[in-house]
Amino acid sequence: MKIDFHLSQIKNIAAQLWQQYYQYKIWAFDAPMGAGKTTLIHALCDVLKVTSAVTSPTFAIINEYESSLAGIIYHMDWYRLKNNAEVIQAGCEDCIESGNLCFIEWTEKANELLPLNSVHVNLEIIDIQERRLIVK
């Protein structure tokens, strides 16, 4: 899947993503700083009817949300972690192996810990309001 979109369309993009990739439990989000990873995850959580506040887990590392459609969702941000050992020590591997839906930002810090059947979501900045979404 490859789509260019305006940020105002992000909820529609999130709905399309979920419709096409709902069967995947591990979603790896990679993009430069400020591209909209957390914004896209927030939109996905809206689609999944998460009622609690969806925020960036940059300092907490892991946020947990409850969805009436998807059950427990773990939202992880590995930006501050350096390697596999730190990701494991932070409890991220337990979340990945839990069978629950996981949205993970900055996965390049420990890609080896991701299952082979993960969906990889890449965002590229085209300009201030336009993004390119590439899903593998």
C-alpha atoms as a PDB file:
ATOM      1  CA  MET A   1       0.000   0.000   0.000  1.00  0.00           C
ATOM      2  CA  LYS A   2       1.305   3.439  -0.934  1.00  0.00           C
ATOM      3  CA  ILE A   3      -0.779   6.602  -0.448  1.00  0.00           C
ATOM      4  CA  ASP A   4       0.001  10.307  -0.538  1.00  0.00           C
ATOM      5  CA  PHE A   5      -2.370  12.246   1.720  1.00  0.00           C
ATOM      6  CA  HIS A   6      -3.053  15.569   3.416  1.00  0.00           C
ATOM      7  CA  LEU A   7      -2.908  15.546   7.224  1.00  0.00           C
ATOM      8  CA  SER A   8      -6.594  16.520   7.309  1.00  0.00           C
ATOM      9  CA  GLN A   9      -7.328  13.051   5.855  1.00  0.00           C
ATOM     10  CA  ILE A  10      -5.499  11.116   8.563  1.00  0.00           C
ATOM     11  CA  LYS A  11      -8.596   9.572  10.174  1.00  0.00           C
ATOM     12  CA  ASN A  12      -9.718   8.237   6.779  1.00  0.00           C
ATOM     13  CA  ILE A  13      -6.208   6.877   6.183  1.00  0.00           C
ATOM     14  CA  ALA A  14      -6.289   5.211   9.609  1.00  0.00           C
ATOM     15  CA  ALA A  15      -9.642   3.600   8.799  1.00  0.00           C
ATOM     16  CA  GLN A  16      -8.252   2.271   5.501  1.00  0.00           C
ATOM     17  CA  LEU A  17      -5.168   0.922   7.281  1.00  0.00           C
ATOM     18  CA  TRP A  18      -7.234  -0.876   9.889  1.00  0.00           C
ATOM     19  CA  GLN A  19      -9.590  -2.308   7.276  1.00  0.00           C
ATOM     20  CA  GLN A  20      -6.679  -3.717   5.285  1.00  0.00           C
ATOM     21  CA  TYR A  21      -4.305  -4.811   8.083  1.00  0.00           C
ATOM     22  CA  TYR A  22      -6.553  -5.559  11.097  1.00  0.00           C
ATOM     23  CA  GLN A  23      -5.285  -9.147  11.259  1.00  0.00           C
ATOM     24  CA  TYR A  24      -1.770  -8.018  12.260  1.00  0.00           C
ATOM     25  CA  LYS A  25      -1.023  -7.692  15.962  1.00  0.00           C
ATOM     26  CA  ILE A  26       2.338  -5.887  15.681  1.00  0.00           C
ATOM     27  CA  TRP A  27       2.484  -2.576  13.817  1.00  0.00           C
ATOM     28  CA  ALA A  28       5.923  -0.979  13.415  1.00  0.00           C
ATOM     29  CA  PHE A  29       5.878   2.762  12.669  1.00  0.00           C
ATOM     30  CA  ASP A  30       9.024   4.347  11.277  1.00  0.00           C
ATOM     31  CA  ALA A  31       9.383   7.921  10.111  1.00  0.00           C
ATOM     32  CA  PRO A  32      11.453  10.999  10.786  1.00  0.00           C
ATOM     33  CA  MET A  33      10.722  13.136  13.847  1.00  0.00           C
ATOM     34  CA  GLY A  34       7.569  15.178  13.295  1.00  0.00           C
ATOM     35  CA  ALA A  35       6.229  13.092  10.407  1.00  0.00           C
ATOM     36  CA  GLY A  36       3.089  12.101  12.308  1.00  0.00           C
ATOM     37  CA  LYS A  37       3.622   8.639  13.779  1.00  0.00           C
ATOM     38  CA  THR A  38       1.816   9.459  17.031  1.00  0.00           C
ATOM     39  CA  THR A  39      -0.871  11.390  15.142  1.00  0.00           C
ATOM     40  CA  LEU A  40      -1.548   8.370  12.940  1.00  0.00           C
ATOM     41  CA  ILE A  41      -1.638   6.054  15.967  1.00  0.00           C
ATOM     42  CA  HIS A  42      -4.058   8.466  17.647  1.00  0.00           C
ATOM     43  CA  ALA A  43      -6.282   8.289  14.542  1.00  0.00           C
ATOM     44  CA  LEU A  44      -6.087   4.478  14.585  1.00  0.00           C
ATOM     45  CA  CYS A  45      -7.143   4.515  18.242  1.00  0.00           C
ATOM     46  CA  ASP A  46     -10.094   6.764  17.302  1.00  0.00           C
ATOM     47  CA  VAL A  47     -11.094   4.217  14.640  1.00  0.00           C
ATOM     48  CA  LEU A  48     -10.769   1.476  17.295  1.00  0.00           C
ATOM     49  CA  LYS A  49     -12.967   3.454  19.710  1.00  0.00           C
ATOM     50  CA  VAL A  50     -10.356   3.974  22.417  1.00  0.00           C
ATOM     51  CA  THR A  51     -11.962   6.299  24.956  1.00  0.00           C
ATOM     52  CA  SER A  52      -8.938   7.140  27.106  1.00  0.00           C
ATOM     53  CA  ALA A  53      -6.441   9.834  26.176  1.00  0.00           C
ATOM     54  CA  VAL A  54      -3.982   8.702  23.510  1.00  0.00           C
ATOM     55  CA  THR A  55      -0.626  10.367  24.113  1.00  0.00           C
ATOM     56  CA  SER A  56       2.961   9.892  23.085  1.00  0.00           C
ATOM     57  CA  PRO A  57       4.714   7.353  25.312  1.00  0.00           C
ATOM     58  CA  THR A  58       8.130   8.940  24.707  1.00  0.00           C
ATOM     59  CA  PHE A  59       8.904   9.137  28.428  1.00  0.00           C
ATOM     60  CA  ALA A  60       6.683   6.314  29.718  1.00  0.00           C
ATOM     61  CA  ILE A  61       7.909   3.976  26.909  1.00  0.00           C
ATOM     62  CA  ILE A  62       4.597   2.025  27.007  1.00  0.00           C
ATOM     63  CA  ASN A  63       1.013   3.299  27.158  1.00  0.00           C
ATOM     64  CA  GLU A  64      -1.893   0.888  27.467  1.00  0.00           C
ATOM     65  CA  TYR A  65      -5.316   1.621  26.005  1.00  0.00           C
ATOM     66  CA  GLU A  66      -8.596  -0.276  26.004  1.00  0.00           C
ATOM     67  CA  SER A  67     -10.548  -0.604  22.768  1.00  0.00           C
ATOM     68  CA  SER A  68     -14.095  -1.883  22.457  1.00  0.00           C
ATOM     69  CA  LEU A  69     -13.105  -3.278  19.039  1.00  0.00           C
ATOM     70  CA  ALA A  70      -9.554  -4.547  19.600  1.00  0.00           C
ATOM     71  CA  GLY A  71      -9.203  -5.153  23.343  1.00  0.00           C
ATOM     72  CA  ILE A  72      -5.934  -4.059  24.939  1.00  0.00           C
ATOM     73  CA  ILE A  73      -3.628  -1.948  22.800  1.00  0.00           C
ATOM     74  CA  TYR A  74      -0.010  -1.291  23.709  1.00  0.00           C
ATOM     75  CA  HIS A  75       1.473   1.905  22.276  1.00  0.00           C
ATOM     76  CA  MET A  76       5.256   1.911  22.580  1.00  0.00           C
ATOM     77  CA  ASP A  77       7.874   4.497  21.748  1.00  0.00           C
ATOM     78  CA  TRP A  78      11.422   3.165  21.550  1.00  0.00           C
ATOM     79  CA  TYR A  79      13.018   6.543  20.746  1.00  0.00           C
ATOM     80  CA  ARG A  80      14.875   6.822  24.076  1.00  0.00           C
ATOM     81  CA  LEU A  81      15.970   3.178  24.094  1.00  0.00           C
ATOM     82  CA  LYS A  82      19.350   2.229  22.664  1.00  0.00           C
ATOM     83  CA  ASN A  83      19.209  -1.478  21.819  1.00  0.00           C
ATOM     84  CA  ASN A  84      17.498  -4.863  22.208  1.00  0.00           C
ATOM     85  CA  ALA A  85      18.528  -5.181  25.857  1.00  0.00           C
ATOM     86  CA  GLU A  86      16.936  -1.861  26.826  1.00  0.00           C
ATOM     87  CA  VAL A  87      13.767  -2.676  24.883  1.00  0.00           C
ATOM     88  CA  ILE A  88      13.500  -6.016  26.711  1.00  0.00           C
ATOM     89  CA  GLN A  89      14.305  -4.426  30.080  1.00  0.00           C
ATOM     90  CA  ALA A  90      11.528  -1.851  29.539  1.00  0.00           C
ATOM     91  CA  GLY A  91       9.007  -4.687  29.206  1.00  0.00           C
ATOM     92  CA  CYS A  92       8.344  -4.188  25.498  1.00  0.00           C
ATOM     93  CA  GLU A  93       9.054  -7.795  24.569  1.00  0.00           C
ATOM     94  CA  ASP A  94       6.352  -8.918  27.011  1.00  0.00           C
ATOM     95  CA  CYS A  95       3.858  -6.640  25.249  1.00  0.00           C
ATOM     96  CA  ILE A  96       4.892  -7.972  21.828  1.00  0.00           C
ATOM     97  CA  GLU A  97       4.453 -11.565  22.999  1.00  0.00           C
ATOM     98  CA  SER A  98       1.141 -10.861  24.787  1.00  0.00           C
ATOM     99  CA  GLY A  99      -1.027 -11.443  21.716  1.00  0.00           C
ATOM    100  CA  ASN A 100      -2.460  -7.945  22.090  1.00  0.00           C
ATOM    101  CA  LEU A 101      -2.357  -5.242  19.456  1.00  0.00           C
ATOM    102  CA  CYS A 102       0.909  -3.275  19.585  1.00  0.00           C
ATOM    103  CA  PHE A 103       1.653   0.040  17.889  1.00  0.00           C
ATOM    104  CA  ILE A 104       5.407   0.677  18.113  1.00  0.00           C
ATOM    105  CA  GLU A 105       7.256   3.861  17.167  1.00  0.00           C
ATOM    106  CA  TRP A 106      11.001   3.980  16.377  1.00  0.00           C
ATOM    107  CA  THR A 107      11.341   0.216  15.882  1.00  0.00           C
ATOM    108  CA  GLU A 108      14.712   0.541  14.183  1.00  0.00           C
ATOM    109  CA  LYS A 109      16.189   0.560  17.711  1.00  0.00           C
ATOM    110  CA  ALA A 110      15.463  -3.185  17.996  1.00  0.00           C
ATOM    111  CA  ASN A 111      13.915  -4.487  14.770  1.00  0.00           C
ATOM    112  CA  GLU A 112      15.183  -7.995  15.556  1.00  0.00           C
ATOM    113  CA  LEU A 113      12.579  -8.290  18.329  1.00  0.00           C
ATOM    114  CA  LEU A 114       9.671  -7.855  15.935  1.00  0.00           C
ATOM    115  CA  PRO A 115       7.915 -10.983  14.671  1.00  0.00           C
ATOM    116  CA  LEU A 116       8.205 -11.691  10.950  1.00  0.00           C
ATOM    117  CA  ASN A 117       4.466 -11.183  10.538  1.00  0.00           C
ATOM    118  CA  SER A 118       4.572  -7.530  11.662  1.00  0.00           C
ATOM    119  CA  VAL A 119       3.122  -4.814   9.487  1.00  0.00           C
ATOM    120  CA  HIS A 120       5.605  -2.005   8.757  1.00  0.00           C
ATOM    121  CA  VAL A 121       4.147   1.475   8.372  1.00  0.00           C
ATOM    122  CA  ASN A 122       6.465   4.156   7.034  1.00  0.00           C
ATOM    123  CA  LEU A 123       5.587   7.828   6.832  1.00  0.00           C
ATOM    124  CA  GLU A 124       7.534  10.237   4.658  1.00  0.00           C
ATOM    125  CA  ILE A 125       7.230  14.006   4.794  1.00  0.00           C
ATOM    126  CA  ILE A 126       6.365  15.494   1.408  1.00  0.00           C
ATOM    127  CA  ASP A 127       5.753  18.997   2.770  1.00  0.00           C
ATOM    128  CA  ILE A 128       4.298  20.638   5.869  1.00  0.00           C
ATOM    129  CA  GLN A 129       0.789  19.200   5.282  1.00  0.00           C
ATOM    130  CA  GLU A 130       1.404  16.276   2.935  1.00  0.00           C
ATOM    131  CA  ARG A 131       2.654  12.814   3.829  1.00  0.00           C
ATOM    132  CA  ARG A 132       3.399   9.588   1.986  1.00  0.00           C
ATOM    133  CA  LEU A 133       2.343   6.360   3.641  1.00  0.00           C
ATOM    134  CA  ILE A 134       4.063   3.139   2.628  1.00  0.00           C
ATOM    135  CA  VAL A 135       2.979  -0.133   4.211  1.00  0.00           C
ATOM    136  CA  LYS A 136       4.899  -3.407   3.858  1.00  0.00           C
END
